[in-house]
């Protein structure tokens, strides 16, 4: 695929503060249009699409309308698994990378994906990722290898299980077929006494409908988004914690080429993005839970003590040690970072 960039070179800088909300221009400036590539469909009524549009609108407002971001929605430039390479090559300036799909490429930045279950919420994971990038240069260096820079973080919601049958305890999970992906989920499902089944998100609806799957790990907002609640009417609050989802990334050359004041705006928006997204997500989750009361989806609590005991399983511990070893090899205090993710 031919990779095209849609940018104009800035010839002068602007002056201003990113968090002030408006920018006073000093001297003549040449407008620049940056390109955001995403697999999200335009107009999707979910927190991911809503917060993306918020960031785009705020960027234009905070640059006084002098610069803007054009979003190429729905995989029109690159499909979901093509985005990191497309962004690296300059097909876009901004993009959202679904990090769990690239755990071998970005192992450090996928730390959370090795520690399931873990006790942190969406906003806690976002703040944790911000801190790690601020304190440990190895996280940024991993992105720099691919001409990328992380500017924001979009953890997913707290995950549970959506199931075809009611699940009240580990005994009910024995022998169940559960969708898995990545490194940690297969091991935790095996520890449950269930069978891990590798199926993509897009295939989960039919798999649940046909009984190929009994359950799938997911949060309420995503369950509604994928319409899994049409074919599985029991949502089990298994305490997986928030899954790490997406890096909001930039092509590093695009970032480096920005005037300092525009960089400051981008960095400020990246810090604010997590809170804005988390609020939008909580609103959406509340709406879904209210809707489920009307559509007959039953929400079931799961014993936290039973879930916590699964962490001691040798397979689960082995996956956690895999990440700690990778972190140690990169010069990071792997065990110290892992302690923040212990259940």
C-alpha atoms as a PDB file:
ATOM      1  CA  UNK A   1       0.000   0.000   0.000  1.00  0.00           C
ATOM      2  CA  UNK A   2       1.331   3.373  -0.961  1.00  0.00           C
ATOM      3  CA  UNK A   3       1.728   5.456   2.172  1.00  0.00           C
ATOM      4  CA  UNK A   4       0.962   9.154   1.742  1.00  0.00           C
ATOM      5  CA  UNK A   5       1.437  11.963   4.219  1.00  0.00           C
ATOM      6  CA  UNK A   6      -1.002  14.842   4.421  1.00  0.00           C
ATOM      7  CA  UNK A   7       1.040  17.610   6.042  1.00  0.00           C
ATOM      8  CA  UNK A   8       2.292  21.095   5.238  1.00  0.00           C
ATOM      9  CA  UNK A   9       5.624  22.243   6.737  1.00  0.00           C
ATOM     10  CA  UNK A  10       5.204  24.933   9.414  1.00  0.00           C
ATOM     11  CA  UNK A  11       7.315  28.052   8.666  1.00  0.00           C
ATOM     12  CA  UNK A  12       6.862  29.952  11.910  1.00  0.00           C
ATOM     13  CA  UNK A  13       5.950  29.074  15.483  1.00  0.00           C
ATOM     14  CA  UNK A  14       3.122  30.218  17.713  1.00  0.00           C
ATOM     15  CA  UNK A  15       3.402  31.358  21.321  1.00  0.00           C
ATOM     16  CA  UNK A  16       1.063  30.222  24.063  1.00  0.00           C
ATOM     17  CA  UNK A  17       0.306  27.772  26.853  1.00  0.00           C
ATOM     18  CA  UNK A  18      -1.213  24.361  26.115  1.00  0.00           C
ATOM     19  CA  UNK A  19      -3.542  24.391  29.112  1.00  0.00           C
ATOM     20  CA  UNK A  20      -4.719  27.962  28.752  1.00  0.00           C
ATOM     21  CA  UNK A  21      -7.315  26.942  26.211  1.00  0.00           C
ATOM     22  CA  UNK A  22      -6.385  29.579  23.641  1.00  0.00           C
ATOM     23  CA  UNK A  23      -3.199  30.634  21.920  1.00  0.00           C
ATOM     24  CA  UNK A  24      -2.043  34.139  21.089  1.00  0.00           C
ATOM     25  CA  UNK A  25      -0.261  34.163  17.732  1.00  0.00           C
ATOM     26  CA  UNK A  26       3.002  36.012  17.340  1.00  0.00           C
ATOM     27  CA  UNK A  27       3.908  36.943  13.798  1.00  0.00           C
ATOM     28  CA  UNK A  28       2.759  35.301  10.621  1.00  0.00           C
ATOM     29  CA  UNK A  29       2.209  31.540  10.733  1.00  0.00           C
ATOM     30  CA  UNK A  30       1.500  28.912   8.121  1.00  0.00           C
ATOM     31  CA  UNK A  31      -1.422  26.618   8.905  1.00  0.00           C
ATOM     32  CA  UNK A  32      -0.607  22.946   9.186  1.00  0.00           C
ATOM     33  CA  UNK A  33      -2.963  20.001   8.875  1.00  0.00           C
ATOM     34  CA  UNK A  34      -1.951  16.830  10.657  1.00  0.00           C
ATOM     35  CA  UNK A  35      -3.381  13.436   9.834  1.00  0.00           C
ATOM     36  CA  UNK A  36      -4.884  11.017  12.409  1.00  0.00           C
ATOM     37  CA  UNK A  37      -5.383   7.417  11.255  1.00  0.00           C
ATOM     38  CA  UNK A  38      -7.737   5.150  13.167  1.00  0.00           C
ATOM     39  CA  UNK A  39      -9.780   2.001  12.765  1.00  0.00           C
ATOM     40  CA  UNK A  40     -12.679   3.545  14.702  1.00  0.00           C
ATOM     41  CA  UNK A  41     -15.748   4.337  12.576  1.00  0.00           C
ATOM     42  CA  UNK A  42     -16.738   7.981  12.286  1.00  0.00           C
ATOM     43  CA  UNK A  43     -19.661   8.951  14.477  1.00  0.00           C
ATOM     44  CA  UNK A  44     -19.375   5.888  16.717  1.00  0.00           C
ATOM     45  CA  UNK A  45     -21.151   6.702  19.959  1.00  0.00           C
ATOM     46  CA  UNK A  46     -18.499   5.308  22.265  1.00  0.00           C
ATOM     47  CA  UNK A  47     -15.899   6.786  24.566  1.00  0.00           C
ATOM     48  CA  UNK A  48     -13.020   6.027  22.207  1.00  0.00           C
ATOM     49  CA  UNK A  49     -14.478   7.885  19.236  1.00  0.00           C
ATOM     50  CA  UNK A  50     -15.942  10.687  21.371  1.00  0.00           C
ATOM     51  CA  UNK A  51     -12.629  11.363  23.130  1.00  0.00           C
ATOM     52  CA  UNK A  52     -10.736  11.240  19.836  1.00  0.00           C
ATOM     53  CA  UNK A  53     -12.989  13.946  18.439  1.00  0.00           C
ATOM     54  CA  UNK A  54     -12.570  15.951  21.662  1.00  0.00           C
ATOM     55  CA  UNK A  55      -8.786  15.894  21.292  1.00  0.00           C
ATOM     56  CA  UNK A  56      -8.992  16.918  17.631  1.00  0.00           C
ATOM     57  CA  UNK A  57     -11.351  19.799  18.417  1.00  0.00           C
ATOM     58  CA  UNK A  58      -9.254  20.955  21.375  1.00  0.00           C
ATOM     59  CA  UNK A  59      -6.065  20.918  19.315  1.00  0.00           C
ATOM     60  CA  UNK A  60      -7.615  23.290  16.795  1.00  0.00           C
ATOM     61  CA  UNK A  61      -9.049  25.511  19.539  1.00  0.00           C
ATOM     62  CA  UNK A  62      -5.822  25.685  21.540  1.00  0.00           C
ATOM     63  CA  UNK A  63      -3.825  26.597  18.467  1.00  0.00           C
ATOM     64  CA  UNK A  64      -6.240  29.435  17.802  1.00  0.00           C
ATOM     65  CA  UNK A  65      -7.525  27.667  14.691  1.00  0.00           C
ATOM     66  CA  UNK A  66      -4.101  27.962  13.097  1.00  0.00           C
ATOM     67  CA  UNK A  67      -3.440  24.208  13.030  1.00  0.00           C
ATOM     68  CA  UNK A  68      -5.790  21.248  12.872  1.00  0.00           C
ATOM     69  CA  UNK A  69      -5.987  17.474  12.732  1.00  0.00           C
ATOM     70  CA  UNK A  70      -7.906  15.655  10.025  1.00  0.00           C
ATOM     71  CA  UNK A  71      -9.151  12.240  11.109  1.00  0.00           C
ATOM     72  CA  UNK A  72      -9.234   9.365   8.644  1.00  0.00           C
ATOM     73  CA  UNK A  73     -11.801   7.090  10.244  1.00  0.00           C
ATOM     74  CA  UNK A  74     -12.731   3.456   9.796  1.00  0.00           C
ATOM     75  CA  UNK A  75      -9.398   2.054   8.650  1.00  0.00           C
ATOM     76  CA  UNK A  76      -9.515   4.105   5.456  1.00  0.00           C
ATOM     77  CA  UNK A  77      -5.726   4.585   5.528  1.00  0.00           C
ATOM     78  CA  UNK A  78      -4.647   1.533   7.526  1.00  0.00           C
ATOM     79  CA  UNK A  79      -6.495  -1.375   9.089  1.00  0.00           C
ATOM     80  CA  UNK A  80      -6.188  -1.973  12.810  1.00  0.00           C
ATOM     81  CA  UNK A  81      -3.170  -4.293  12.576  1.00  0.00           C
ATOM     82  CA  UNK A  82      -1.475  -2.055   9.994  1.00  0.00           C
ATOM     83  CA  UNK A  83      -1.563   1.163  12.009  1.00  0.00           C
ATOM     84  CA  UNK A  84       1.811   0.911  13.822  1.00  0.00           C
ATOM     85  CA  UNK A  85       3.718   0.312  10.581  1.00  0.00           C
ATOM     86  CA  UNK A  86       1.701   2.903   8.683  1.00  0.00           C
ATOM     87  CA  UNK A  87       2.282   5.477  11.399  1.00  0.00           C
ATOM     88  CA  UNK A  88       5.983   4.624  11.546  1.00  0.00           C
ATOM     89  CA  UNK A  89       6.288   5.107   7.783  1.00  0.00           C
ATOM     90  CA  UNK A  90       4.522   8.469   7.823  1.00  0.00           C
ATOM     91  CA  UNK A  91       1.080   7.575   6.485  1.00  0.00           C
ATOM     92  CA  UNK A  92      -0.242   9.567   9.434  1.00  0.00           C
ATOM     93  CA  UNK A  93       0.973  11.931  12.103  1.00  0.00           C
ATOM     94  CA  UNK A  94      -1.317  10.707  14.900  1.00  0.00           C
ATOM     95  CA  UNK A  95      -2.874   7.295  15.397  1.00  0.00           C
ATOM     96  CA  UNK A  96      -4.301   4.926  17.993  1.00  0.00           C
ATOM     97  CA  UNK A  97      -2.467   1.629  18.388  1.00  0.00           C
ATOM     98  CA  UNK A  98      -4.351  -1.282  19.961  1.00  0.00           C
ATOM     99  CA  UNK A  99      -1.367  -2.311  22.026  1.00  0.00           C
ATOM    100  CA  UNK A 100      -2.426  -5.885  23.049  1.00  0.00           C
ATOM    101  CA  UNK A 101      -2.313  -6.865  19.363  1.00  0.00           C
ATOM    102  CA  UNK A 102       1.428  -6.097  19.380  1.00  0.00           C
ATOM    103  CA  UNK A 103       2.704  -7.549  22.634  1.00  0.00           C
ATOM    104  CA  UNK A 104       5.887  -8.856  20.994  1.00  0.00           C
ATOM    105  CA  UNK A 105       6.579  -5.487  19.346  1.00  0.00           C
ATOM    106  CA  UNK A 106       5.876  -3.361  22.432  1.00  0.00           C
ATOM    107  CA  UNK A 107       6.475  -5.681  25.416  1.00  0.00           C
ATOM    108  CA  UNK A 108       7.315  -2.941  27.933  1.00  0.00           C
ATOM    109  CA  UNK A 109       4.322  -0.833  26.961  1.00  0.00           C
ATOM    110  CA  UNK A 110       2.143  -3.931  27.268  1.00  0.00           C
ATOM    111  CA  UNK A 111       3.092  -4.466  30.900  1.00  0.00           C
ATOM    112  CA  UNK A 112      -0.521  -4.595  32.085  1.00  0.00           C
ATOM    113  CA  UNK A 113      -1.323  -7.341  29.585  1.00  0.00           C
ATOM    114  CA  UNK A 114       1.007  -9.708  31.455  1.00  0.00           C
ATOM    115  CA  UNK A 115      -0.670  -9.035  34.825  1.00  0.00           C
ATOM    116  CA  UNK A 116      -4.279 -10.181  34.545  1.00  0.00           C
ATOM    117  CA  UNK A 117      -6.063 -10.013  36.921  1.00  0.00           C
ATOM    118  CA  UNK A 118      -4.800  -6.772  38.443  1.00  0.00           C
ATOM    119  CA  UNK A 119      -6.515  -4.316  40.812  1.00  0.00           C
ATOM    120  CA  UNK A 120      -6.305  -0.987  38.985  1.00  0.00           C
ATOM    121  CA  UNK A 121      -9.051   0.999  37.270  1.00  0.00           C
ATOM    122  CA  UNK A 122      -8.991   2.689  33.864  1.00  0.00           C
ATOM    123  CA  UNK A 123      -7.750   6.039  35.129  1.00  0.00           C
ATOM    124  CA  UNK A 124      -5.246   4.413  37.510  1.00  0.00           C
ATOM    125  CA  UNK A 125      -3.684   2.487  34.625  1.00  0.00           C
ATOM    126  CA  UNK A 126      -3.542   5.638  32.495  1.00  0.00           C
ATOM    127  CA  UNK A 127      -1.783   7.574  35.260  1.00  0.00           C
ATOM    128  CA  UNK A 128       0.552   4.633  35.819  1.00  0.00           C
ATOM    129  CA  UNK A 129       1.514   4.601  32.142  1.00  0.00           C
ATOM    130  CA  UNK A 130       2.089   8.365  32.214  1.00  0.00           C
ATOM    131  CA  UNK A 131       4.363   7.941  35.228  1.00  0.00           C
ATOM    132  CA  UNK A 132       6.345   5.078  33.695  1.00  0.00           C
ATOM    133  CA  UNK A 133       6.982   7.100  30.537  1.00  0.00           C
ATOM    134  CA  UNK A 134       8.039  10.081  32.635  1.00  0.00           C
ATOM    135  CA  UNK A 135      10.315   8.170  35.015  1.00  0.00           C
ATOM    136  CA  UNK A 136      11.724   5.350  32.890  1.00  0.00           C
ATOM    137  CA  UNK A 137      13.186   6.290  29.466  1.00  0.00           C
ATOM    138  CA  UNK A 138      13.052   2.642  28.359  1.00  0.00           C
ATOM    139  CA  UNK A 139       9.293   2.908  27.717  1.00  0.00           C
ATOM    140  CA  UNK A 140       9.815   5.781  25.283  1.00  0.00           C
ATOM    141  CA  UNK A 141      12.909   4.133  23.759  1.00  0.00           C
ATOM    142  CA  UNK A 142      10.786   1.109  22.835  1.00  0.00           C
ATOM    143  CA  UNK A 143       8.519   3.406  20.812  1.00  0.00           C
ATOM    144  CA  UNK A 144      11.438   5.341  19.318  1.00  0.00           C
ATOM    145  CA  UNK A 145      12.746   2.126  17.697  1.00  0.00           C
ATOM    146  CA  UNK A 146       9.720   2.324  15.387  1.00  0.00           C
ATOM    147  CA  UNK A 147       9.780   6.097  14.819  1.00  0.00           C
ATOM    148  CA  UNK A 148       6.857   6.485  17.226  1.00  0.00           C
ATOM    149  CA  UNK A 149       6.131   8.537  20.328  1.00  0.00           C
ATOM    150  CA  UNK A 150       3.353   7.846  22.835  1.00  0.00           C
ATOM    151  CA  UNK A 151       1.487  11.048  23.688  1.00  0.00           C
ATOM    152  CA  UNK A 152      -1.549   9.612  25.456  1.00  0.00           C
ATOM    153  CA  UNK A 153      -2.967   6.447  26.940  1.00  0.00           C
ATOM    154  CA  UNK A 154      -6.388   4.823  26.556  1.00  0.00           C
ATOM    155  CA  UNK A 155      -6.807   1.871  28.939  1.00  0.00           C
ATOM    156  CA  UNK A 156      -9.946  -0.158  28.491  1.00  0.00           C
ATOM    157  CA  UNK A 157     -12.673  -0.494  31.088  1.00  0.00           C
ATOM    158  CA  UNK A 158     -12.705  -2.967  33.975  1.00  0.00           C
ATOM    159  CA  UNK A 159     -13.280  -6.366  32.432  1.00  0.00           C
ATOM    160  CA  UNK A 160     -15.599  -9.144  33.516  1.00  0.00           C
ATOM    161  CA  UNK A 161     -17.069 -12.113  31.640  1.00  0.00           C
ATOM    162  CA  UNK A 162     -20.124 -12.096  29.400  1.00  0.00           C
ATOM    163  CA  UNK A 163     -21.563 -15.600  29.359  1.00  0.00           C
ATOM    164  CA  UNK A 164     -24.332 -17.705  27.881  1.00  0.00           C
ATOM    165  CA  UNK A 165     -25.118 -19.212  31.316  1.00  0.00           C
ATOM    166  CA  UNK A 166     -25.010 -17.841  34.878  1.00  0.00           C
ATOM    167  CA  UNK A 167     -21.624 -18.128  36.579  1.00  0.00           C
ATOM    168  CA  UNK A 168     -21.427 -17.731  40.356  1.00  0.00           C
ATOM    169  CA  UNK A 169     -18.121 -19.399  41.286  1.00  0.00           C
ATOM    170  CA  UNK A 170     -15.042 -21.162  39.955  1.00  0.00           C
ATOM    171  CA  UNK A 171     -16.973 -24.420  40.058  1.00  0.00           C
ATOM    172  CA  UNK A 172     -19.327 -23.024  37.405  1.00  0.00           C
ATOM    173  CA  UNK A 173     -16.356 -22.152  35.151  1.00  0.00           C
ATOM    174  CA  UNK A 174     -14.938 -25.681  35.041  1.00  0.00           C
ATOM    175  CA  UNK A 175     -14.855 -26.943  31.472  1.00  0.00           C
ATOM    176  CA  UNK A 176     -16.254 -23.727  29.992  1.00  0.00           C
ATOM    177  CA  UNK A 177     -14.851 -22.481  26.676  1.00  0.00           C
ATOM    178  CA  UNK A 178     -13.633 -18.904  27.150  1.00  0.00           C
ATOM    179  CA  UNK A 179     -12.238 -16.515  24.563  1.00  0.00           C
ATOM    180  CA  UNK A 180      -8.619 -15.500  25.179  1.00  0.00           C
ATOM    181  CA  UNK A 181      -5.894 -13.424  23.566  1.00  0.00           C
ATOM    182  CA  UNK A 182      -2.411 -12.224  24.441  1.00  0.00           C
ATOM    183  CA  UNK A 183      -0.302 -13.884  27.143  1.00  0.00           C
ATOM    184  CA  UNK A 184      -2.105 -13.632  30.484  1.00  0.00           C
ATOM    185  CA  UNK A 185      -5.683 -14.525  29.568  1.00  0.00           C
ATOM    186  CA  UNK A 186      -4.936 -18.080  28.336  1.00  0.00           C
ATOM    187  CA  UNK A 187      -3.105 -18.851  31.592  1.00  0.00           C
ATOM    188  CA  UNK A 188      -5.756 -17.386  33.875  1.00  0.00           C
ATOM    189  CA  UNK A 189      -8.471 -19.294  31.978  1.00  0.00           C
ATOM    190  CA  UNK A 190      -6.494 -22.519  32.356  1.00  0.00           C
ATOM    191  CA  UNK A 191      -6.160 -21.769  36.089  1.00  0.00           C
ATOM    192  CA  UNK A 192      -9.959 -21.516  36.239  1.00  0.00           C
ATOM    193  CA  UNK A 193     -10.195 -25.073  34.928  1.00  0.00           C
ATOM    194  CA  UNK A 194     -11.717 -23.729  31.722  1.00  0.00           C
ATOM    195  CA  UNK A 195     -10.570 -24.039  28.097  1.00  0.00           C
ATOM    196  CA  UNK A 196      -8.965 -21.020  26.384  1.00  0.00           C
ATOM    197  CA  UNK A 197     -10.180 -20.412  22.819  1.00  0.00           C
ATOM    198  CA  UNK A 198      -8.339 -17.964  20.566  1.00  0.00           C
ATOM    199  CA  UNK A 199     -10.990 -16.029  18.665  1.00  0.00           C
ATOM    200  CA  UNK A 200     -10.898 -12.431  17.457  1.00  0.00           C
ATOM    201  CA  UNK A 201     -13.271  -9.776  18.779  1.00  0.00           C
ATOM    202  CA  UNK A 202     -15.109  -9.681  15.463  1.00  0.00           C
ATOM    203  CA  UNK A 203     -15.779 -13.444  15.650  1.00  0.00           C
ATOM    204  CA  UNK A 204     -16.971 -13.496  19.270  1.00  0.00           C
ATOM    205  CA  UNK A 205     -20.640 -12.705  18.489  1.00  0.00           C
ATOM    206  CA  UNK A 206     -21.118 -15.718  16.233  1.00  0.00           C
ATOM    207  CA  UNK A 207     -19.019 -17.937  18.502  1.00  0.00           C
ATOM    208  CA  UNK A 208     -21.220 -17.106  21.496  1.00  0.00           C
ATOM    209  CA  UNK A 209     -24.379 -17.416  19.422  1.00  0.00           C
ATOM    210  CA  UNK A 210     -23.414 -20.882  18.161  1.00  0.00           C
ATOM    211  CA  UNK A 211     -22.068 -22.127  21.485  1.00  0.00           C
ATOM    212  CA  UNK A 212     -18.469 -22.313  20.315  1.00  0.00           C
ATOM    213  CA  UNK A 213     -17.768 -20.001  23.264  1.00  0.00           C
ATOM    214  CA  UNK A 214     -19.424 -20.057  26.663  1.00  0.00           C
ATOM    215  CA  UNK A 215     -17.915 -16.762  27.860  1.00  0.00           C
ATOM    216  CA  UNK A 216     -15.725 -13.902  26.726  1.00  0.00           C
ATOM    217  CA  UNK A 217     -13.747 -11.410  28.850  1.00  0.00           C
ATOM    218  CA  UNK A 218     -14.991  -7.906  28.138  1.00  0.00           C
ATOM    219  CA  UNK A 219     -16.398  -4.790  29.798  1.00  0.00           C
ATOM    220  CA  UNK A 220     -20.013  -3.567  29.619  1.00  0.00           C
ATOM    221  CA  UNK A 221     -19.367  -0.766  27.115  1.00  0.00           C
ATOM    222  CA  UNK A 222     -17.483  -3.009  24.706  1.00  0.00           C
ATOM    223  CA  UNK A 223     -20.002  -5.832  25.180  1.00  0.00           C
ATOM    224  CA  UNK A 224     -22.713  -3.452  24.041  1.00  0.00           C
ATOM    225  CA  UNK A 225     -20.535  -2.093  21.256  1.00  0.00           C
ATOM    226  CA  UNK A 226     -19.913  -5.574  19.844  1.00  0.00           C
ATOM    227  CA  UNK A 227     -23.562  -6.511  20.583  1.00  0.00           C
ATOM    228  CA  UNK A 228     -22.461  -9.560  22.556  1.00  0.00           C
ATOM    229  CA  UNK A 229     -25.271  -8.856  25.008  1.00  0.00           C
ATOM    230  CA  UNK A 230     -27.712  -9.943  22.306  1.00  0.00           C
ATOM    231  CA  UNK A 231     -26.454 -13.533  22.429  1.00  0.00           C
ATOM    232  CA  UNK A 232     -25.096 -13.805  26.002  1.00  0.00           C
ATOM    233  CA  UNK A 233     -27.392 -12.618  28.777  1.00  0.00           C
ATOM    234  CA  UNK A 234     -25.179 -12.952  31.869  1.00  0.00           C
ATOM    235  CA  UNK A 235     -22.473 -10.453  32.764  1.00  0.00           C
ATOM    236  CA  UNK A 236     -20.195 -11.794  35.495  1.00  0.00           C
ATOM    237  CA  UNK A 237     -18.221  -9.190  37.460  1.00  0.00           C
ATOM    238  CA  UNK A 238     -15.049 -11.250  37.496  1.00  0.00           C
ATOM    239  CA  UNK A 239     -12.391  -8.828  38.789  1.00  0.00           C
ATOM    240  CA  UNK A 240      -9.910  -8.847  35.905  1.00  0.00           C
ATOM    241  CA  UNK A 241      -9.284  -5.109  36.425  1.00  0.00           C
ATOM    242  CA  UNK A 242      -8.818  -2.616  33.621  1.00  0.00           C
ATOM    243  CA  UNK A 243      -7.179  -4.009  30.515  1.00  0.00           C
ATOM    244  CA  UNK A 244      -4.579  -1.828  28.847  1.00  0.00           C
ATOM    245  CA  UNK A 245      -5.941  -0.840  25.482  1.00  0.00           C
ATOM    246  CA  UNK A 246      -4.499   1.807  23.215  1.00  0.00           C
ATOM    247  CA  UNK A 247      -1.530   4.079  22.857  1.00  0.00           C
ATOM    248  CA  UNK A 248      -2.294   7.462  21.335  1.00  0.00           C
ATOM    249  CA  UNK A 249       0.885   7.764  19.312  1.00  0.00           C
ATOM    250  CA  UNK A 250       2.566  10.131  16.898  1.00  0.00           C
ATOM    251  CA  UNK A 251       5.004   9.633  14.085  1.00  0.00           C
ATOM    252  CA  UNK A 252       8.162  10.728  15.874  1.00  0.00           C
ATOM    253  CA  UNK A 253       9.473  12.865  13.008  1.00  0.00           C
ATOM    254  CA  UNK A 254       6.138  14.690  12.915  1.00  0.00           C
ATOM    255  CA  UNK A 255       6.349  15.322  16.640  1.00  0.00           C
ATOM    256  CA  UNK A 256       9.980  16.443  16.488  1.00  0.00           C
ATOM    257  CA  UNK A 257       9.138  18.817  13.649  1.00  0.00           C
ATOM    258  CA  UNK A 258       6.476  20.665  15.638  1.00  0.00           C
ATOM    259  CA  UNK A 259       7.245  24.113  17.064  1.00  0.00           C
ATOM    260  CA  UNK A 260       7.809  23.957  20.822  1.00  0.00           C
ATOM    261  CA  UNK A 261       4.527  25.656  21.656  1.00  0.00           C
ATOM    262  CA  UNK A 262       2.556  23.191  19.535  1.00  0.00           C
ATOM    263  CA  UNK A 263       4.421  20.311  21.188  1.00  0.00           C
ATOM    264  CA  UNK A 264       3.364  21.743  24.553  1.00  0.00           C
ATOM    265  CA  UNK A 265      -0.258  21.760  23.424  1.00  0.00           C
ATOM    266  CA  UNK A 266      -0.023  18.133  22.265  1.00  0.00           C
ATOM    267  CA  UNK A 267       1.618  17.043  25.513  1.00  0.00           C
ATOM    268  CA  UNK A 268      -0.996  18.875  27.575  1.00  0.00           C
ATOM    269  CA  UNK A 269      -3.811  17.280  25.616  1.00  0.00           C
ATOM    270  CA  UNK A 270      -2.183  13.877  26.039  1.00  0.00           C
ATOM    271  CA  UNK A 271      -2.160  14.294  29.820  1.00  0.00           C
ATOM    272  CA  UNK A 272      -5.749  15.523  29.906  1.00  0.00           C
ATOM    273  CA  UNK A 273      -6.973  12.892  27.457  1.00  0.00           C
ATOM    274  CA  UNK A 274      -6.951  10.058  29.994  1.00  0.00           C
ATOM    275  CA  UNK A 275      -9.327  11.839  32.365  1.00  0.00           C
ATOM    276  CA  UNK A 276     -11.642  12.982  29.582  1.00  0.00           C
ATOM    277  CA  UNK A 277     -11.773   9.475  28.125  1.00  0.00           C
ATOM    278  CA  UNK A 278     -12.312   7.850  31.543  1.00  0.00           C
ATOM    279  CA  UNK A 279     -15.257  10.152  32.291  1.00  0.00           C
ATOM    280  CA  UNK A 280     -16.831   9.470  28.888  1.00  0.00           C
ATOM    281  CA  UNK A 281     -16.331   5.749  29.492  1.00  0.00           C
ATOM    282  CA  UNK A 282     -17.992   5.798  32.926  1.00  0.00           C
ATOM    283  CA  UNK A 283     -21.003   7.608  31.468  1.00  0.00           C
ATOM    284  CA  UNK A 284     -21.288   4.995  28.755  1.00  0.00           C
ATOM    285  CA  UNK A 285     -20.970   2.094  31.211  1.00  0.00           C
ATOM    286  CA  UNK A 286     -23.755   3.552  33.375  1.00  0.00           C
ATOM    287  CA  UNK A 287     -25.982   3.820  30.297  1.00  0.00           C
ATOM    288  CA  UNK A 288     -25.291   0.208  29.349  1.00  0.00           C
ATOM    289  CA  UNK A 289     -26.030  -1.104  32.846  1.00  0.00           C
ATOM    290  CA  UNK A 290     -29.315   0.816  32.880  1.00  0.00           C
ATOM    291  CA  UNK A 291     -30.186  -0.596  29.470  1.00  0.00           C
ATOM    292  CA  UNK A 292     -29.386  -4.134  30.590  1.00  0.00           C
ATOM    293  CA  UNK A 293     -32.021  -3.911  33.305  1.00  0.00           C
ATOM    294  CA  UNK A 294     -34.571  -3.369  30.528  1.00  0.00           C
ATOM    295  CA  UNK A 295     -33.214  -5.966  28.106  1.00  0.00           C
ATOM    296  CA  UNK A 296     -32.783  -8.769  30.635  1.00  0.00           C
ATOM    297  CA  UNK A 297     -29.018  -9.011  30.940  1.00  0.00           C
ATOM    298  CA  UNK A 298     -28.290 -10.228  34.473  1.00  0.00           C
ATOM    299  CA  UNK A 299     -25.252  -8.818  36.292  1.00  0.00           C
ATOM    300  CA  UNK A 300     -23.682 -11.328  38.697  1.00  0.00           C
ATOM    301  CA  UNK A 301     -21.046 -10.659  41.359  1.00  0.00           C
ATOM    302  CA  UNK A 302     -18.118 -13.085  41.485  1.00  0.00           C
ATOM    303  CA  UNK A 303     -16.301 -14.002  44.734  1.00  0.00           C
ATOM    304  CA  UNK A 304     -13.175 -11.832  44.798  1.00  0.00           C
ATOM    305  CA  UNK A 305     -11.294 -14.272  47.026  1.00  0.00           C
ATOM    306  CA  UNK A 306     -11.713 -17.060  44.472  1.00  0.00           C
ATOM    307  CA  UNK A 307     -10.427 -14.833  41.690  1.00  0.00           C
ATOM    308  CA  UNK A 308      -7.456 -13.652  43.761  1.00  0.00           C
ATOM    309  CA  UNK A 309      -6.425 -17.224  44.507  1.00  0.00           C
ATOM    310  CA  UNK A 310      -5.886 -17.877  40.786  1.00  0.00           C
ATOM    311  CA  UNK A 311      -2.905 -15.509  40.772  1.00  0.00           C
ATOM    312  CA  UNK A 312      -0.869 -18.133  42.645  1.00  0.00           C
ATOM    313  CA  UNK A 313      -1.213 -20.580  39.744  1.00  0.00           C
ATOM    314  CA  UNK A 314       2.192 -21.536  38.305  1.00  0.00           C
ATOM    315  CA  UNK A 315       1.177 -20.632  34.748  1.00  0.00           C
ATOM    316  CA  UNK A 316      -0.085 -17.199  35.781  1.00  0.00           C
ATOM    317  CA  UNK A 317       3.082 -16.547  37.769  1.00  0.00           C
ATOM    318  CA  UNK A 318       5.199 -17.713  34.840  1.00  0.00           C
ATOM    319  CA  UNK A 319       3.683 -15.115  32.513  1.00  0.00           C
ATOM    320  CA  UNK A 320       4.279 -12.397  35.084  1.00  0.00           C
ATOM    321  CA  UNK A 321       7.891 -13.456  35.447  1.00  0.00           C
ATOM    322  CA  UNK A 322       8.259 -13.300  31.654  1.00  0.00           C
ATOM    323  CA  UNK A 323       7.527  -9.575  31.723  1.00  0.00           C
ATOM    324  CA  UNK A 324       9.700  -8.941  34.772  1.00  0.00           C
ATOM    325  CA  UNK A 325      12.607 -10.637  33.002  1.00  0.00           C
ATOM    326  CA  UNK A 326      12.050  -8.498  29.880  1.00  0.00           C
ATOM    327  CA  UNK A 327      11.928  -5.374  32.028  1.00  0.00           C
ATOM    328  CA  UNK A 328      15.088  -6.333  33.922  1.00  0.00           C
ATOM    329  CA  UNK A 329      16.887  -7.013  30.638  1.00  0.00           C
ATOM    330  CA  UNK A 330      15.945  -3.498  29.504  1.00  0.00           C
ATOM    331  CA  UNK A 331      17.453  -2.015  32.668  1.00  0.00           C
ATOM    332  CA  UNK A 332      14.130  -1.452  34.429  1.00  0.00           C
ATOM    333  CA  UNK A 333      13.284  -2.386  38.035  1.00  0.00           C
ATOM    334  CA  UNK A 334      10.903  -5.096  36.849  1.00  0.00           C
ATOM    335  CA  UNK A 335       9.786  -6.330  40.246  1.00  0.00           C
ATOM    336  CA  UNK A 336       9.106  -2.797  41.512  1.00  0.00           C
ATOM    337  CA  UNK A 337       6.926  -1.981  38.525  1.00  0.00           C
ATOM    338  CA  UNK A 338       5.170  -5.356  38.780  1.00  0.00           C
ATOM    339  CA  UNK A 339       4.330  -4.631  42.416  1.00  0.00           C
ATOM    340  CA  UNK A 340       1.981  -1.881  41.221  1.00  0.00           C
ATOM    341  CA  UNK A 341       0.022  -4.489  39.284  1.00  0.00           C
ATOM    342  CA  UNK A 342      -0.295  -7.171  41.945  1.00  0.00           C
ATOM    343  CA  UNK A 343      -3.807  -8.308  42.762  1.00  0.00           C
END
